[in-house]
C-alpha atoms as a PDB file:
ATOM      1  CA  MET A   1     -23.049  29.865  -6.695  1.00  0.00           C
ATOM      2  CA  THR A   2     -21.962  29.775 -10.490  1.00  0.00           C
ATOM      3  CA  SER A   3     -21.564  26.936 -12.661  1.00  0.00           C
ATOM      4  CA  GLY A   4     -17.509  26.982 -12.086  1.00  0.00           C
ATOM      5  CA  ASP A   5     -18.027  26.658  -8.438  1.00  0.00           C
ATOM      6  CA  ARG A   6     -17.980  23.145  -7.034  1.00  0.00           C
ATOM      7  CA  LEU A   7     -19.212  22.083  -3.792  1.00  0.00           C
ATOM      8  CA  PRO A   8     -16.391  20.389  -1.700  1.00  0.00           C
ATOM      9  CA  THR A   9     -16.350  16.598  -1.904  1.00  0.00           C
ATOM     10  CA  GLN A  10     -16.167  14.530   1.261  1.00  0.00           C
ATOM     11  CA  PRO A  11     -12.926  12.613   1.738  1.00  0.00           C
ATOM     12  CA  GLN A  12     -13.138   9.066   0.341  1.00  0.00           C
ATOM     13  CA  TYR A  13     -12.578   6.723   3.452  1.00  0.00           C
ATOM     14  CA  LYS A  14     -11.846   3.047   3.637  1.00  0.00           C
ATOM     15  CA  ILE A  15     -14.373   0.761   4.889  1.00  0.00           C
ATOM     16  CA  PRO A  16     -13.241  -0.922   8.096  1.00  0.00           C
ATOM     17  CA  VAL A  17     -14.015  -4.310   6.753  1.00  0.00           C
ATOM     18  CA  SER A  18     -11.316  -6.353   4.974  1.00  0.00           C
ATOM     19  CA  VAL A  19     -10.449  -9.547   3.470  1.00  0.00           C
ATOM     20  CA  LEU A  20      -7.245 -11.536   3.938  1.00  0.00           C
ATOM     21  CA  VAL A  21      -6.271 -14.061   1.615  1.00  0.00           C
ATOM     22  CA  VAL A  22      -3.489 -16.798   2.559  1.00  0.00           C
ATOM     23  CA  ILE A  23      -2.152 -17.854  -0.902  1.00  0.00           C
ATOM     24  CA  HIS A  24      -0.202 -21.268  -0.429  1.00  0.00           C
ATOM     25  CA  ASP A  25       0.697 -24.248  -2.680  1.00  0.00           C
ATOM     26  CA  GLN A  26       0.179 -27.869  -1.696  1.00  0.00           C
ATOM     27  CA  ALA A  27       3.309 -28.052   0.227  1.00  0.00           C
ATOM     28  CA  LEU A  28       2.272 -25.251   2.439  1.00  0.00           C
ATOM     29  CA  ASN A  29       4.753 -22.672   1.211  1.00  0.00           C
ATOM     30  CA  VAL A  30       2.964 -19.573   1.198  1.00  0.00           C
ATOM     31  CA  LEU A  31       3.193 -16.276  -0.890  1.00  0.00           C
ATOM     32  CA  LEU A  32       4.156 -13.042   1.028  1.00  0.00           C
ATOM     33  CA  LEU A  33       4.145  -9.603  -0.478  1.00  0.00           C
ATOM     34  CA  GLU A  34       6.334  -6.741   0.674  1.00  0.00           C
ATOM     35  CA  ARG A  35       4.627  -3.522   1.135  1.00  0.00           C
ATOM     36  CA  ALA A  36       5.496  -0.394  -1.046  1.00  0.00           C
ATOM     37  CA  ASP A  37       4.367   2.024   1.507  1.00  0.00           C
ATOM     38  CA  ARG A  38       6.096   0.424   4.318  1.00  0.00           C
ATOM     39  CA  PRO A  39       9.583  -1.551   3.046  1.00  0.00           C
ATOM     40  CA  GLY A  40      10.112  -4.389   5.415  1.00  0.00           C
ATOM     41  CA  PHE A  41       6.628  -5.298   6.086  1.00  0.00           C
ATOM     42  CA  TRP A  42       5.617  -8.671   4.687  1.00  0.00           C
ATOM     43  CA  GLN A  43       1.989  -9.794   4.456  1.00  0.00           C
ATOM     44  CA  SER A  44      -0.529 -11.752   2.466  1.00  0.00           C
ATOM     45  CA  VAL A  45      -3.054 -10.388   0.094  1.00  0.00           C
ATOM     46  CA  THR A  46      -5.300  -8.026   2.188  1.00  0.00           C
ATOM     47  CA  GLY A  47      -7.602  -5.375   1.290  1.00  0.00           C
ATOM     48  CA  SER A  48     -10.972  -3.569   2.500  1.00  0.00           C
ATOM     49  CA  LEU A  49     -14.090  -3.845   0.556  1.00  0.00           C
ATOM     50  CA  ASP A  50     -14.894  -1.037  -2.186  1.00  0.00           C
ATOM     51  CA  ALA A  51     -18.529  -0.748  -1.008  1.00  0.00           C
ATOM     52  CA  PRO A  52     -20.519  -1.531   2.177  1.00  0.00           C
ATOM     53  CA  ASP A  53     -22.476  -4.100   0.239  1.00  0.00           C
ATOM     54  CA  GLU A  54     -19.521  -5.694  -1.695  1.00  0.00           C
ATOM     55  CA  ASP A  55     -19.568  -9.607  -1.192  1.00  0.00           C
ATOM     56  CA  LEU A  56     -16.683 -10.712   0.870  1.00  0.00           C
ATOM     57  CA  ARG A  57     -15.787 -13.425  -1.813  1.00  0.00           C
ATOM     58  CA  ALA A  58     -16.021 -11.297  -4.462  1.00  0.00           C
ATOM     59  CA  ALA A  59     -13.587  -8.935  -2.551  1.00  0.00           C
ATOM     60  CA  ALA A  60     -10.973 -11.389  -1.847  1.00  0.00           C
ATOM     61  CA  LEU A  61     -11.069 -12.554  -5.574  1.00  0.00           C
ATOM     62  CA  ARG A  62     -10.797  -8.788  -6.578  1.00  0.00           C
ATOM     63  CA  GLU A  63      -7.806  -8.331  -4.193  1.00  0.00           C
ATOM     64  CA  VAL A  64      -5.910 -11.366  -5.417  1.00  0.00           C
ATOM     65  CA  ALA A  65      -6.312 -10.202  -9.045  1.00  0.00           C
ATOM     66  CA  GLU A  66      -5.159  -6.551  -8.201  1.00  0.00           C
ATOM     67  CA  GLU A  67      -2.187  -7.246  -5.896  1.00  0.00           C
ATOM     68  CA  THR A  68      -0.816 -10.395  -7.744  1.00  0.00           C
ATOM     69  CA  GLY A  69      -2.324 -10.768 -11.073  1.00  0.00           C
ATOM     70  CA  ILE A  70      -3.828 -14.146 -10.246  1.00  0.00           C
ATOM     71  CA  VAL A  71      -7.363 -14.595 -11.557  1.00  0.00           C
ATOM     72  CA  ALA A  72      -8.835 -17.355  -9.433  1.00  0.00           C
ATOM     73  CA  ALA A  73     -12.163 -19.136  -9.760  1.00  0.00           C
ATOM     74  CA  PRO A  74     -14.820 -18.448  -6.958  1.00  0.00           C
ATOM     75  CA  GLU A  75     -14.996 -22.248  -6.100  1.00  0.00           C
ATOM     76  CA  ALA A  76     -10.914 -22.120  -5.843  1.00  0.00           C
ATOM     77  CA  LEU A  77     -11.267 -19.786  -2.813  1.00  0.00           C
ATOM     78  CA  ARG A  78     -11.860 -21.228   0.718  1.00  0.00           C
ATOM     79  CA  ASP A  79     -13.722 -19.406   2.942  1.00  0.00           C
ATOM     80  CA  TRP A  80     -12.479 -20.019   6.505  1.00  0.00           C
ATOM     81  CA  ARG A  81     -15.798 -18.381   8.010  1.00  0.00           C
ATOM     82  CA  HIS A  82     -13.342 -16.747  10.362  1.00  0.00           C
ATOM     83  CA  HIS A  83     -13.022 -12.960  11.278  1.00  0.00           C
ATOM     84  CA  THR A  84     -10.810 -10.958  13.355  1.00  0.00           C
ATOM     85  CA  VAL A  85     -11.345  -7.524  14.928  1.00  0.00           C
ATOM     86  CA  TYR A  86      -8.194  -5.568  15.382  1.00  0.00           C
ATOM     87  CA  GLU A  87      -7.045  -2.129  16.149  1.00  0.00           C
ATOM     88  CA  ILE A  88      -6.015  -0.261  13.087  1.00  0.00           C
ATOM     89  CA  PHE A  89      -2.384   0.926  13.421  1.00  0.00           C
ATOM     90  CA  ALA A  90      -2.109   4.579  14.217  1.00  0.00           C
ATOM     91  CA  HIS A  91      -0.142   5.150  11.038  1.00  0.00           C
ATOM     92  CA  TRP A  92      -2.935   4.165   8.855  1.00  0.00           C
ATOM     93  CA  ARG A  93      -5.956   5.460  10.897  1.00  0.00           C
ATOM     94  CA  HIS A  94      -6.122   8.377   8.658  1.00  0.00           C
ATOM     95  CA  ARG A  95      -7.428   6.457   5.634  1.00  0.00           C
ATOM     96  CA  TYR A  96     -10.461   5.915   7.589  1.00  0.00           C
ATOM     97  CA  GLY A  97     -13.464   7.709   8.869  1.00  0.00           C
ATOM     98  CA  PRO A  98     -13.209  10.170  11.920  1.00  0.00           C
ATOM     99  CA  GLY A  99     -13.505   7.741  15.095  1.00  0.00           C
ATOM    100  CA  VAL A 100     -12.645   4.683  13.304  1.00  0.00           C
ATOM    101  CA  THR A 101      -9.963   2.538  15.213  1.00  0.00           C
ATOM    102  CA  HIS A 102     -10.796  -1.071  14.559  1.00  0.00           C
ATOM    103  CA  ASN A 103     -11.356  -3.192  11.361  1.00  0.00           C
ATOM    104  CA  THR A 104     -12.946  -6.370  10.682  1.00  0.00           C
ATOM    105  CA  GLU A 105     -10.713  -8.978   8.741  1.00  0.00           C
ATOM    106  CA  HIS A 106     -12.580 -12.135   6.893  1.00  0.00           C
ATOM    107  CA  THR A 107     -10.006 -14.918   6.257  1.00  0.00           C
ATOM    108  CA  PHE A 108      -9.803 -16.934   3.054  1.00  0.00           C
ATOM    109  CA  SER A 109      -7.140 -19.352   1.609  1.00  0.00           C
ATOM    110  CA  LEU A 110      -6.096 -19.769  -1.966  1.00  0.00           C
ATOM    111  CA  SER A 111      -3.991 -22.949  -3.124  1.00  0.00           C
ATOM    112  CA  VAL A 112      -2.091 -22.225  -6.419  1.00  0.00           C
ATOM    113  CA  PRO A 113       0.659 -24.294  -8.213  1.00  0.00           C
ATOM    114  CA  ALA A 114       4.128 -24.284  -6.466  1.00  0.00           C
ATOM    115  CA  GLY A 115       6.238 -21.267  -7.439  1.00  0.00           C
ATOM    116  CA  MET A 116       3.667 -19.553  -9.208  1.00  0.00           C
ATOM    117  CA  ALA A 117       5.126 -15.796 -10.137  1.00  0.00           C
ATOM    118  CA  PRO A 118       2.831 -13.208  -9.407  1.00  0.00           C
ATOM    119  CA  ILE A 119       2.502 -10.077 -11.179  1.00  0.00           C
ATOM    120  CA  LEU A 120       2.828  -7.480  -8.483  1.00  0.00           C
ATOM    121  CA  ALA A 121       0.784  -4.201  -8.299  1.00  0.00           C
ATOM    122  CA  ALA A 122       3.712  -1.807  -8.113  1.00  0.00           C
ATOM    123  CA  ARG A 123       1.822   1.024  -6.219  1.00  0.00           C
ATOM    124  CA  GLU A 124       1.121  -1.507  -3.535  1.00  0.00           C
ATOM    125  CA  HIS A 125       4.130  -4.310  -3.231  1.00  0.00           C
ATOM    126  CA  LEU A 126       7.790  -4.233  -4.004  1.00  0.00           C
ATOM    127  CA  ALA A 127       8.775  -7.881  -3.994  1.00  0.00           C
ATOM    128  CA  HIS A 128       7.285 -11.545  -3.323  1.00  0.00           C
ATOM    129  CA  LEU A 129       8.559 -14.686  -1.249  1.00  0.00           C
ATOM    130  CA  TRP A 130       7.249 -17.903  -1.124  1.00  0.00           C
ATOM    131  CA  LEU A 131       8.164 -19.539   2.334  1.00  0.00           C
ATOM    132  CA  PRO A 132       7.316 -22.524   4.232  1.00  0.00           C
ATOM    133  CA  TYR A 133       4.353 -21.724   6.248  1.00  0.00           C
ATOM    134  CA  ALA A 134       6.049 -21.381   9.751  1.00  0.00           C
ATOM    135  CA  GLU A 135       8.680 -19.065   8.232  1.00  0.00           C
ATOM    136  CA  ALA A 136       6.057 -16.937   6.640  1.00  0.00           C
ATOM    137  CA  ALA A 137       4.234 -16.773   9.855  1.00  0.00           C
ATOM    138  CA  GLU A 138       7.445 -15.445  11.460  1.00  0.00           C
ATOM    139  CA  LYS A 139       7.992 -12.831   8.577  1.00  0.00           C
ATOM    140  CA  CYS A 140       4.684 -11.061   8.786  1.00  0.00           C
ATOM    141  CA  PHE A 141       4.224  -7.643  10.495  1.00  0.00           C
ATOM    142  CA  SER A 142       0.473  -8.212  11.584  1.00  0.00           C
ATOM    143  CA  PRO A 143      -0.416 -10.348  14.114  1.00  0.00           C
ATOM    144  CA  SER A 144      -3.875 -11.537  12.616  1.00  0.00           C
ATOM    145  CA  ASN A 145      -1.879 -12.702   9.055  1.00  0.00           C
ATOM    146  CA  ARG A 146       0.641 -14.546  11.532  1.00  0.00           C
ATOM    147  CA  GLU A 147      -2.118 -16.222  13.266  1.00  0.00           C
ATOM    148  CA  ALA A 148      -3.943 -17.264   9.743  1.00  0.00           C
ATOM    149  CA  ILE A 149      -0.688 -18.454   8.407  1.00  0.00           C
ATOM    150  CA  LEU A 150      -0.150 -20.725  11.432  1.00  0.00           C
ATOM    151  CA  ARG A 151      -3.691 -21.980  11.074  1.00  0.00           C
ATOM    152  CA  LEU A 152      -3.296 -23.277   7.393  1.00  0.00           C
ATOM    153  CA  PRO A 153      -2.452 -26.734   7.969  1.00  0.00           C
ATOM    154  CA  ALA A 154      -5.343 -27.239  10.295  1.00  0.00           C
ATOM    155  CA  MET A 155      -7.542 -25.451   7.777  1.00  0.00           C
ATOM    156  CA  MET A 156      -6.527 -27.674   4.762  1.00  0.00           C
ATOM    157  CA  ILE A 157      -7.955 -30.911   6.825  1.00  0.00           C
ATOM    158  CA  LEU A 158     -11.203 -29.499   7.379  1.00  0.00           C
ATOM    159  CA  PRO A 159     -14.062 -30.030   4.787  1.00  0.00           C
ATOM    160  CA  SER A 160     -14.615 -26.917   2.689  1.00  0.00           C
END
């Protein structure tokens, strides 16, 4: 092998562990984002860990900042201490390693001032909406996201 030859690199697969952050205001209006790669698909902030040892809270804060421009203090993020294991949609499985079919999603929430305008990551999202939580849940394409939004009122009355 000469110095100009390169070894083939392994594809960078997504880690099948993710965070879901339901961003809301005090009146329980929820921020939804429209996916750039799937117009018409609305969701909360979500994303996979960048490394197997990445802290879940750090991943949630990173995803919120990357997707919305909102830089939140760690103590502002509420860890629901809840996770959902779900089957990865077939059209997104190519992003994961061979044979990976399920993801574990950890849920958080973040309360922000009413009507806050996010700065969207253009590669990831086309538009945003603020909707009352029940309407936001109906608009979500993801069952786990829908269920999390519907749990929001109960989570807000529980101690942190």
